[in-house]
Amino acid sequence: MAFKLKPNPTFQAKVKIAVPGQDKPEVITFTFRHKTKVELEALFSEASKQTSDVDLVAEIATNWDVADAPFNREALEELFQNYHGAALAIVDAYHQQLQAARLGN
């Protein structure tokens, strides 16, 4: 496959979510929106100004493979209430994917 200067608008990545009482994390596959370097910097700049975890993840993700819940704000809120490190894990995985893509190019 030939290199494309313009990346796909979305990509998938696996996110490891720590589950209390389990030795191994569960894995959720998210579909993320690609953002340019400028867009990402603006997003994280805005996020530092009291943006909620739900708002941030809703901005970067469009779907997931959670069997018992559709991807929406209410389900994200429930995820973050039940799994305290989930928001950070999602944002970290997203950022790592964009960084890895940037480093690989």
Protein backbone atom coordinates (compact mmCIF):
# COMPACT_ATOMS: atom_id res chain seq x y z
CA MET A 1 0.00 0.00 0.00
CA ALA A 2 1.33 3.39 -0.92
CA PHE A 3 1.78 6.10 1.66
CA LYS A 4 -1.02 8.67 1.73
CA LEU A 5 -0.33 12.25 2.69
CA LYS A 6 -3.88 12.60 3.97
CA PRO A 7 -4.67 9.96 6.61
CA ASN A 8 -8.00 8.23 6.98
CA PRO A 9 -10.49 10.35 8.96
CA THR A 10 -10.94 7.57 11.52
CA PHE A 11 -8.83 4.73 12.87
CA GLN A 12 -9.25 1.93 15.38
CA ALA A 13 -7.14 1.27 18.44
CA LYS A 14 -7.33 -1.09 21.38
CA VAL A 15 -7.58 0.51 24.82
CA LYS A 16 -6.72 -1.42 27.98
CA ILE A 17 -9.12 -0.65 30.84
CA ALA A 18 -8.10 -1.73 34.33
CA VAL A 19 -10.81 -3.72 36.10
CA PRO A 20 -10.73 -3.88 39.90
CA GLY A 21 -9.97 -7.38 41.14
CA GLN A 22 -8.62 -8.60 37.80
CA ASP A 23 -4.94 -9.14 37.08
CA LYS A 24 -5.33 -8.31 33.41
CA PRO A 25 -7.14 -5.31 31.94
CA GLU A 26 -10.10 -5.66 29.62
CA VAL A 27 -9.62 -4.40 26.07
CA ILE A 28 -12.08 -2.15 24.26
CA THR A 29 -11.56 -1.32 20.60
CA PHE A 30 -12.37 2.32 19.95
CA THR A 31 -12.88 4.08 16.65
CA PHE A 32 -11.11 7.42 16.91
CA ARG A 33 -11.20 10.59 14.82
CA HIS A 34 -7.89 11.57 13.29
CA LYS A 35 -6.82 15.09 14.23
CA THR A 36 -3.97 17.12 12.81
CA LYS A 37 -1.21 18.35 15.09
CA VAL A 38 -2.81 21.81 15.27
CA GLU A 39 -6.26 20.36 15.98
CA LEU A 40 -4.86 18.09 18.69
CA GLU A 41 -2.99 20.94 20.38
CA ALA A 42 -6.16 23.06 20.34
CA LEU A 43 -8.21 20.20 21.75
CA PHE A 44 -5.83 19.58 24.63
CA SER A 45 -5.53 23.30 25.29
CA GLU A 46 -9.33 23.50 25.58
CA ALA A 47 -9.43 20.31 27.65
CA SER A 48 -7.24 21.92 30.28
CA LYS A 49 -9.97 24.54 30.77
CA GLN A 50 -12.43 22.38 32.70
CA THR A 51 -13.57 20.12 29.86
CA SER A 52 -15.19 16.99 31.25
CA ASP A 53 -13.84 13.52 30.49
CA VAL A 54 -17.06 12.75 28.63
CA ASP A 55 -16.71 15.86 26.45
CA LEU A 56 -13.09 15.07 25.63
CA VAL A 57 -13.65 11.42 24.75
CA ALA A 58 -16.80 12.24 22.77
CA GLU A 59 -14.67 14.64 20.71
CA ILE A 60 -11.99 12.08 19.85
CA ALA A 61 -13.98 8.84 19.58
CA THR A 62 -16.94 7.80 17.47
CA ASN A 63 -17.58 4.18 18.44
CA TRP A 64 -16.49 1.21 20.56
CA ASP A 65 -17.00 -2.53 20.75
CA VAL A 66 -18.76 -2.66 24.14
CA ALA A 67 -21.40 -5.37 23.80
CA ASP A 68 -23.99 -4.07 26.25
CA ALA A 69 -23.94 -0.34 25.51
CA PRO A 70 -24.03 1.87 22.43
CA PHE A 71 -21.38 4.57 22.19
CA ASN A 72 -22.98 7.69 23.62
CA ARG A 73 -22.49 10.27 26.38
CA GLU A 74 -24.53 8.34 28.94
CA ALA A 75 -22.53 5.16 28.39
CA LEU A 76 -19.25 7.08 28.61
CA GLU A 77 -20.37 8.61 31.92
CA GLU A 78 -21.23 5.15 33.25
CA LEU A 79 -17.85 3.81 32.10
CA PHE A 80 -16.00 6.62 33.85
CA GLN A 81 -18.06 6.25 37.04
CA ASN A 82 -17.39 2.50 37.22
CA TYR A 83 -13.78 2.40 35.97
CA HIS A 84 -11.91 5.37 37.39
CA GLY A 85 -8.86 5.17 35.11
CA ALA A 86 -10.80 4.64 31.89
CA ALA A 87 -10.79 8.23 30.63
CA LEU A 88 -7.04 8.57 31.05
CA ALA A 89 -6.47 5.18 29.40
CA ILE A 90 -8.60 6.20 26.39
CA VAL A 91 -6.93 9.58 25.92
CA ASP A 92 -3.46 8.06 26.39
CA ALA A 93 -4.13 5.34 23.81
CA TYR A 94 -5.44 7.94 21.35
CA HIS A 95 -2.46 10.21 21.84
CA GLN A 96 -0.03 7.29 21.54
CA GLN A 97 -1.61 6.23 18.26
CA LEU A 98 -1.23 9.73 16.82
CA GLN A 99 2.33 10.00 18.12
CA ALA A 100 3.25 6.59 16.75
CA ALA A 101 1.78 7.58 13.41
CA ARG A 102 3.76 10.80 13.52
CA LEU A 103 6.97 9.00 14.47
CA GLY A 104 6.45 6.40 11.76
CA ASN A 105 6.10 9.00 9.02
